[in-house]
Amino acid sequence: MDVSLDKNKREAIIVGTTGAGNIGEVYVYAPATTGMAWKAQLIGADYNVLAVAFSPTFTNDEGIFAVSVNATTPRTRVSASFGNTQDGGGWGDSVGHATLRGTVVGTANANATATRARIAFPDDFNVDSLGSNFAFVGTVADVIVTEPTGAAAGGDLYKIVFQPTLSVPSRRAPTSILSMSAAMPPLPASSSAPTCGRPQ
């Protein structure tokens, strides 16, 4: 669940659901676009939703984000939709989906199947920027995998760079992420985006 202000500065709420048989959905209540009702955002068949978030600039870009899992495939993906809360849908249209991978180089690199997730954005998030068009996604998975380094991993931390065709996840840490926050000072125009190191 997340809360924000819509373009008319009224409270907006987003929630994600799960259900038996992967029948989850994302619902948005944003009076400027959905009226005084909840609107299904049509995340797609066979997906359960683990985390949702409004874009930090939702008032202007009407962006929503979701981490969803398809246990049949198995596949965990991060998706975004901009400007579609009135009718739902639009996932992957302007910003491509990111599929999360669960293992490191040298192993099978199988799709990650998360059971819980969190999304965090930098303070200067801008999906149209080349330096701040990213978010961090932390996951928890019930299946514990032994990494080649010997570490036991039941989740991961990913940096997701949002791009028009296919968003790119980079794996940061083989550990379960239960809570997180992203905070950093704005970057000078000539600087590149910082990366996140392994949590201590």
C-alpha atoms as a PDB file:
ATOM      1  CA  MET A   1       0.000   0.000   0.000  1.00  0.00           C
ATOM      2  CA  ASP A   2       1.120   3.552  -0.655  1.00  0.00           C
ATOM      3  CA  VAL A   3      -0.419   7.014  -0.368  1.00  0.00           C
ATOM      4  CA  SER A   4       0.195  10.216  -2.334  1.00  0.00           C
ATOM      5  CA  LEU A   5      -1.597  13.295  -3.642  1.00  0.00           C
ATOM      6  CA  ASP A   6      -3.280  13.263  -7.054  1.00  0.00           C
ATOM      7  CA  LYS A   7      -3.024  16.131  -9.560  1.00  0.00           C
ATOM      8  CA  ASN A   8      -5.811  17.982  -7.719  1.00  0.00           C
ATOM      9  CA  LYS A   9      -3.912  17.597  -4.418  1.00  0.00           C
ATOM     10  CA  ARG A  10      -6.409  15.090  -3.011  1.00  0.00           C
ATOM     11  CA  GLU A  11      -5.359  11.936  -1.197  1.00  0.00           C
ATOM     12  CA  ALA A  12      -4.683   8.944  -3.441  1.00  0.00           C
ATOM     13  CA  ILE A  13      -4.193   5.335  -2.333  1.00  0.00           C
ATOM     14  CA  ILE A  14      -2.756   2.314  -4.121  1.00  0.00           C
ATOM     15  CA  VAL A  15      -3.007  -1.280  -2.891  1.00  0.00           C
ATOM     16  CA  GLY A  16      -1.909  -4.646  -4.237  1.00  0.00           C
ATOM     17  CA  THR A  17      -3.666  -7.957  -3.604  1.00  0.00           C
ATOM     18  CA  THR A  18      -2.875 -11.645  -3.785  1.00  0.00           C
ATOM     19  CA  GLY A  19      -5.137 -14.652  -4.154  1.00  0.00           C
ATOM     20  CA  ALA A  20      -5.145 -18.397  -4.628  1.00  0.00           C
ATOM     21  CA  GLY A  21      -4.308 -19.262  -8.216  1.00  0.00           C
ATOM     22  CA  ASN A  22      -2.356 -16.030  -8.839  1.00  0.00           C
ATOM     23  CA  ILE A  23      -5.369 -13.736  -9.155  1.00  0.00           C
ATOM     24  CA  GLY A  24      -3.892 -10.635  -7.571  1.00  0.00           C
ATOM     25  CA  GLU A  25      -4.576  -7.097  -8.718  1.00  0.00           C
ATOM     26  CA  VAL A  26      -3.516  -3.483  -8.222  1.00  0.00           C
ATOM     27  CA  TYR A  27      -6.234  -1.018  -7.200  1.00  0.00           C
ATOM     28  CA  VAL A  28      -5.986   2.778  -7.202  1.00  0.00           C
ATOM     29  CA  TYR A  29      -8.204   5.337  -5.531  1.00  0.00           C
ATOM     30  CA  ALA A  30      -7.283   8.771  -6.925  1.00  0.00           C
ATOM     31  CA  PRO A  31     -10.266  11.157  -7.135  1.00  0.00           C
ATOM     32  CA  ALA A  32      -8.750  13.184 -10.001  1.00  0.00           C
ATOM     33  CA  THR A  33      -8.766  10.126 -12.293  1.00  0.00           C
ATOM     34  CA  THR A  34     -10.783   7.317 -10.695  1.00  0.00           C
ATOM     35  CA  GLY A  35     -13.501   9.479  -9.180  1.00  0.00           C
ATOM     36  CA  MET A  36     -14.667   8.447  -5.734  1.00  0.00           C
ATOM     37  CA  ALA A  37     -14.089   4.749  -6.446  1.00  0.00           C
ATOM     38  CA  TRP A  38     -11.360   2.118  -6.557  1.00  0.00           C
ATOM     39  CA  LYS A  39     -10.170   1.241 -10.058  1.00  0.00           C
ATOM     40  CA  ALA A  40      -8.505  -2.081 -10.988  1.00  0.00           C
ATOM     41  CA  GLN A  41      -5.224  -1.415 -12.821  1.00  0.00           C
ATOM     42  CA  LEU A  42      -5.192  -4.704 -14.801  1.00  0.00           C
ATOM     43  CA  ILE A  43      -1.747  -5.965 -13.736  1.00  0.00           C
ATOM     44  CA  GLY A  44      -2.212  -9.107 -15.843  1.00  0.00           C
ATOM     45  CA  ALA A  45      -3.497 -12.650 -15.511  1.00  0.00           C
ATOM     46  CA  ASP A  46      -1.724 -15.110 -13.230  1.00  0.00           C
ATOM     47  CA  TYR A  47       0.105 -12.555 -11.084  1.00  0.00           C
ATOM     48  CA  ASN A  48       0.008 -11.898  -7.349  1.00  0.00           C
ATOM     49  CA  VAL A  49       1.093  -8.440  -6.209  1.00  0.00           C
ATOM     50  CA  LEU A  50       3.801  -8.217  -3.545  1.00  0.00           C
ATOM     51  CA  ALA A  51       4.412  -4.460  -3.411  1.00  0.00           C
ATOM     52  CA  VAL A  52       3.012  -1.274  -4.921  1.00  0.00           C
ATOM     53  CA  ALA A  53       4.114   2.349  -4.921  1.00  0.00           C
ATOM     54  CA  PHE A  54       3.195   5.689  -6.376  1.00  0.00           C
ATOM     55  CA  SER A  55       5.867   7.526  -8.313  1.00  0.00           C
ATOM     56  CA  PRO A  56       7.442  10.174  -6.039  1.00  0.00           C
ATOM     57  CA  THR A  57       6.191  12.621  -8.698  1.00  0.00           C
ATOM     58  CA  PHE A  58       2.716  11.054  -9.024  1.00  0.00           C
ATOM     59  CA  THR A  59       1.034  14.478  -8.944  1.00  0.00           C
ATOM     60  CA  ASN A  60       2.700  15.249 -12.285  1.00  0.00           C
ATOM     61  CA  ASP A  61       3.381  11.894 -13.988  1.00  0.00           C
ATOM     62  CA  GLU A  62       0.544   9.686 -12.633  1.00  0.00           C
ATOM     63  CA  GLY A  63       3.083   6.871 -12.324  1.00  0.00           C
ATOM     64  CA  ILE A  64       2.412   3.659 -10.403  1.00  0.00           C
ATOM     65  CA  PHE A  65       4.753   0.731  -9.758  1.00  0.00           C
ATOM     66  CA  ALA A  66       4.204  -2.896  -8.770  1.00  0.00           C
ATOM     67  CA  VAL A  67       6.292  -5.930  -7.894  1.00  0.00           C
ATOM     68  CA  SER A  68       4.353  -9.020  -8.903  1.00  0.00           C
ATOM     69  CA  VAL A  69       5.032 -12.737  -9.014  1.00  0.00           C
ATOM     70  CA  ASN A  70       3.803 -15.535 -11.240  1.00  0.00           C
ATOM     71  CA  ALA A  71       4.441 -18.754  -9.345  1.00  0.00           C
ATOM     72  CA  THR A  72       3.620 -20.891 -12.382  1.00  0.00           C
ATOM     73  CA  THR A  73       6.415 -19.519 -14.593  1.00  0.00           C
ATOM     74  CA  PRO A  74       8.113 -18.779 -12.011  1.00  0.00           C
ATOM     75  CA  ARG A  75       8.808 -15.090 -12.500  1.00  0.00           C
ATOM     76  CA  THR A  76       9.066 -11.983 -10.326  1.00  0.00           C
ATOM     77  CA  ARG A  77       8.787  -8.720 -12.210  1.00  0.00           C
ATOM     78  CA  VAL A  78       8.782  -4.989 -11.564  1.00  0.00           C
ATOM     79  CA  SER A  79       6.311  -3.024 -13.706  1.00  0.00           C
ATOM     80  CA  ALA A  80       5.335   0.606 -14.180  1.00  0.00           C
ATOM     81  CA  SER A  81       2.357   2.397 -15.690  1.00  0.00           C
ATOM     82  CA  PHE A  82       2.086   6.125 -16.367  1.00  0.00           C
ATOM     83  CA  GLY A  83      -1.088   8.106 -17.021  1.00  0.00           C
ATOM     84  CA  ASN A  84      -3.489   5.153 -16.998  1.00  0.00           C
ATOM     85  CA  THR A  85      -5.131   5.121 -13.564  1.00  0.00           C
ATOM     86  CA  GLN A  86      -8.486   6.248 -14.989  1.00  0.00           C
ATOM     87  CA  ASP A  87      -8.910   3.155 -17.171  1.00  0.00           C
ATOM     88  CA  GLY A  88      -6.260   0.790 -15.770  1.00  0.00           C
ATOM     89  CA  GLY A  89      -3.579  -1.006 -17.735  1.00  0.00           C
ATOM     90  CA  GLY A  90      -0.603   0.499 -19.501  1.00  0.00           C
ATOM     91  CA  TRP A  91       1.865  -1.727 -17.633  1.00  0.00           C
ATOM     92  CA  GLY A  92       5.085  -1.891 -19.607  1.00  0.00           C
ATOM     93  CA  ASP A  93       3.903   0.586 -22.279  1.00  0.00           C
ATOM     94  CA  SER A  94       6.187   3.569 -21.635  1.00  0.00           C
ATOM     95  CA  VAL A  95       8.635   1.788 -19.317  1.00  0.00           C
ATOM     96  CA  GLY A  96       9.465  -1.865 -19.874  1.00  0.00           C
ATOM     97  CA  HIS A  97       9.055  -4.646 -17.306  1.00  0.00           C
ATOM     98  CA  ALA A  98      12.095  -5.778 -15.314  1.00  0.00           C
ATOM     99  CA  THR A  99      12.342  -9.520 -14.595  1.00  0.00           C
ATOM    100  CA  LEU A 100      14.277 -10.272 -11.420  1.00  0.00           C
ATOM    101  CA  ARG A 101      16.873 -13.029 -11.451  1.00  0.00           C
ATOM    102  CA  GLY A 102      17.569 -14.989  -8.312  1.00  0.00           C
ATOM    103  CA  THR A 103      21.124 -16.228  -8.576  1.00  0.00           C
ATOM    104  CA  VAL A 104      24.564 -14.868  -9.376  1.00  0.00           C
ATOM    105  CA  VAL A 105      26.856 -15.496 -12.312  1.00  0.00           C
ATOM    106  CA  GLY A 106      28.121 -19.064 -12.356  1.00  0.00           C
ATOM    107  CA  THR A 107      24.824 -20.629 -11.297  1.00  0.00           C
ATOM    108  CA  ALA A 108      21.623 -21.449 -13.160  1.00  0.00           C
ATOM    109  CA  ASN A 109      20.429 -17.792 -13.103  1.00  0.00           C
ATOM    110  CA  ALA A 110      16.841 -18.988 -12.596  1.00  0.00           C
ATOM    111  CA  ASN A 111      13.937 -16.572 -12.217  1.00  0.00           C
ATOM    112  CA  ALA A 112      13.489 -15.384  -8.650  1.00  0.00           C
ATOM    113  CA  THR A 113      10.196 -16.193  -6.963  1.00  0.00           C
ATOM    114  CA  ALA A 114       9.713 -13.691  -4.160  1.00  0.00           C
ATOM    115  CA  THR A 115       7.105 -13.927  -1.406  1.00  0.00           C
ATOM    116  CA  ARG A 116       7.394 -10.314  -0.171  1.00  0.00           C
ATOM    117  CA  ALA A 117       8.853  -7.118  -1.605  1.00  0.00           C
ATOM    118  CA  ARG A 118       9.462  -3.408  -0.973  1.00  0.00           C
ATOM    119  CA  ILE A 119      10.079  -0.490  -3.362  1.00  0.00           C
ATOM    120  CA  ALA A 120      12.137   2.640  -2.562  1.00  0.00           C
ATOM    121  CA  PHE A 121      12.988   5.634  -4.765  1.00  0.00           C
ATOM    122  CA  PRO A 122      15.781   8.225  -4.587  1.00  0.00           C
ATOM    123  CA  ASP A 123      14.723  11.713  -3.509  1.00  0.00           C
ATOM    124  CA  ASP A 124      15.381  13.105  -6.992  1.00  0.00           C
ATOM    125  CA  PHE A 125      13.557  10.317  -8.909  1.00  0.00           C
ATOM    126  CA  ASN A 126      12.667  11.267 -12.476  1.00  0.00           C
ATOM    127  CA  VAL A 127      11.713   8.510 -14.915  1.00  0.00           C
ATOM    128  CA  ASP A 128      12.790  10.704 -17.867  1.00  0.00           C
ATOM    129  CA  SER A 129      16.260  11.370 -16.440  1.00  0.00           C
ATOM    130  CA  LEU A 130      19.360   9.346 -17.277  1.00  0.00           C
ATOM    131  CA  GLY A 131      20.755   9.744 -13.760  1.00  0.00           C
ATOM    132  CA  SER A 132      17.762   9.296 -11.454  1.00  0.00           C
ATOM    133  CA  ASN A 133      15.446   6.950 -13.399  1.00  0.00           C
ATOM    134  CA  PHE A 134      15.813   4.072 -10.955  1.00  0.00           C
ATOM    135  CA  ALA A 135      14.379   2.503  -7.830  1.00  0.00           C
ATOM    136  CA  PHE A 136      15.496  -0.144  -5.375  1.00  0.00           C
ATOM    137  CA  VAL A 137      13.452  -3.299  -4.907  1.00  0.00           C
ATOM    138  CA  GLY A 138      14.037  -5.564  -1.918  1.00  0.00           C
ATOM    139  CA  THR A 139      12.620  -9.089  -1.929  1.00  0.00           C
ATOM    140  CA  VAL A 140      12.126 -11.975   0.465  1.00  0.00           C
ATOM    141  CA  ALA A 141      11.917 -15.535  -0.856  1.00  0.00           C
ATOM    142  CA  ASP A 142      10.934 -18.593   1.167  1.00  0.00           C
ATOM    143  CA  VAL A 143      13.394 -20.791  -0.729  1.00  0.00           C
ATOM    144  CA  ILE A 144      16.891 -20.430   0.697  1.00  0.00           C
ATOM    145  CA  VAL A 145      19.625 -20.679  -1.945  1.00  0.00           C
ATOM    146  CA  THR A 146      23.292 -21.236  -1.122  1.00  0.00           C
ATOM    147  CA  GLU A 147      25.365 -18.825  -3.169  1.00  0.00           C
ATOM    148  CA  PRO A 148      28.762 -19.806  -4.624  1.00  0.00           C
ATOM    149  CA  THR A 149      30.281 -17.587  -1.938  1.00  0.00           C
ATOM    150  CA  GLY A 150      28.706 -19.848   0.707  1.00  0.00           C
ATOM    151  CA  ALA A 151      26.137 -17.250   1.796  1.00  0.00           C
ATOM    152  CA  ALA A 152      22.545 -18.390   2.310  1.00  0.00           C
ATOM    153  CA  ALA A 153      20.181 -16.141   0.367  1.00  0.00           C
ATOM    154  CA  GLY A 154      16.421 -16.008   0.761  1.00  0.00           C
ATOM    155  CA  GLY A 155      15.924 -12.701  -1.006  1.00  0.00           C
ATOM    156  CA  ASP A 156      17.754  -9.936  -2.807  1.00  0.00           C
ATOM    157  CA  LEU A 157      18.197  -6.208  -3.234  1.00  0.00           C
ATOM    158  CA  TYR A 158      17.973  -4.938  -6.813  1.00  0.00           C
ATOM    159  CA  LYS A 159      18.559  -1.581  -8.441  1.00  0.00           C
ATOM    160  CA  ILE A 160      16.044  -1.211 -11.279  1.00  0.00           C
ATOM    161  CA  VAL A 161      16.933   1.239 -14.057  1.00  0.00           C
ATOM    162  CA  PHE A 162      13.707   2.135 -15.861  1.00  0.00           C
ATOM    163  CA  GLN A 163      14.005   2.253 -19.660  1.00  0.00           C
ATOM    164  CA  PRO A 164      11.463   2.436 -22.506  1.00  0.00           C
ATOM    165  CA  THR A 165      11.835  -1.117 -23.846  1.00  0.00           C
ATOM    166  CA  LEU A 166      13.159  -3.320 -21.056  1.00  0.00           C
ATOM    167  CA  SER A 167      13.962  -2.097 -17.568  1.00  0.00           C
ATOM    168  CA  VAL A 168      17.267  -3.421 -16.280  1.00  0.00           C
ATOM    169  CA  PRO A 169      17.647  -4.979 -12.838  1.00  0.00           C
ATOM    170  CA  SER A 170      21.077  -5.341 -11.263  1.00  0.00           C
ATOM    171  CA  ARG A 171      21.417  -7.588  -8.243  1.00  0.00           C
ATOM    172  CA  ARG A 172      22.986  -6.021  -5.184  1.00  0.00           C
ATOM    173  CA  ALA A 173      22.848  -8.368  -2.203  1.00  0.00           C
ATOM    174  CA  PRO A 174      21.850 -12.001  -1.550  1.00  0.00           C
ATOM    175  CA  THR A 175      19.823 -11.398   1.580  1.00  0.00           C
ATOM    176  CA  SER A 176      16.177 -10.967   2.571  1.00  0.00           C
ATOM    177  CA  ILE A 177      15.088  -7.322   2.574  1.00  0.00           C
ATOM    178  CA  LEU A 178      12.247  -6.621   5.015  1.00  0.00           C
ATOM    179  CA  SER A 179      12.392  -2.824   5.093  1.00  0.00           C
ATOM    180  CA  MET A 180      14.370  -0.126   3.321  1.00  0.00           C
ATOM    181  CA  SER A 181      14.572   3.532   2.454  1.00  0.00           C
ATOM    182  CA  ALA A 182      16.609   5.335  -0.196  1.00  0.00           C
ATOM    183  CA  ALA A 183      18.114   8.707   0.660  1.00  0.00           C
ATOM    184  CA  MET A 184      20.859  10.545  -1.156  1.00  0.00           C
ATOM    185  CA  PRO A 185      21.716  14.121  -2.046  1.00  0.00           C
ATOM    186  CA  PRO A 186      20.883  15.323  -5.568  1.00  0.00           C
ATOM    187  CA  LEU A 187      23.679  14.643  -8.048  1.00  0.00           C
ATOM    188  CA  PRO A 188      25.481  17.338 -10.026  1.00  0.00           C
ATOM    189  CA  ALA A 189      24.470  17.265 -13.696  1.00  0.00           C
ATOM    190  CA  SER A 190      27.815  15.736 -14.720  1.00  0.00           C
ATOM    191  CA  SER A 191      27.776  12.912 -12.164  1.00  0.00           C
ATOM    192  CA  SER A 192      26.626   9.360 -12.717  1.00  0.00           C
ATOM    193  CA  ALA A 193      24.081   7.688 -10.448  1.00  0.00           C
ATOM    194  CA  PRO A 194      25.552   6.003  -7.359  1.00  0.00           C
ATOM    195  CA  THR A 195      25.205   2.286  -6.905  1.00  0.00           C
ATOM    196  CA  CYS A 196      24.175   0.492  -3.765  1.00  0.00           C
ATOM    197  CA  GLY A 197      26.714  -1.762  -2.091  1.00  0.00           C
ATOM    198  CA  ARG A 198      26.049  -4.922  -0.134  1.00  0.00           C
ATOM    199  CA  PRO A 199      24.281  -4.222   3.182  1.00  0.00           C
ATOM    200  CA  GLN A 200      26.444  -4.772   6.259  1.00  0.00           C
END
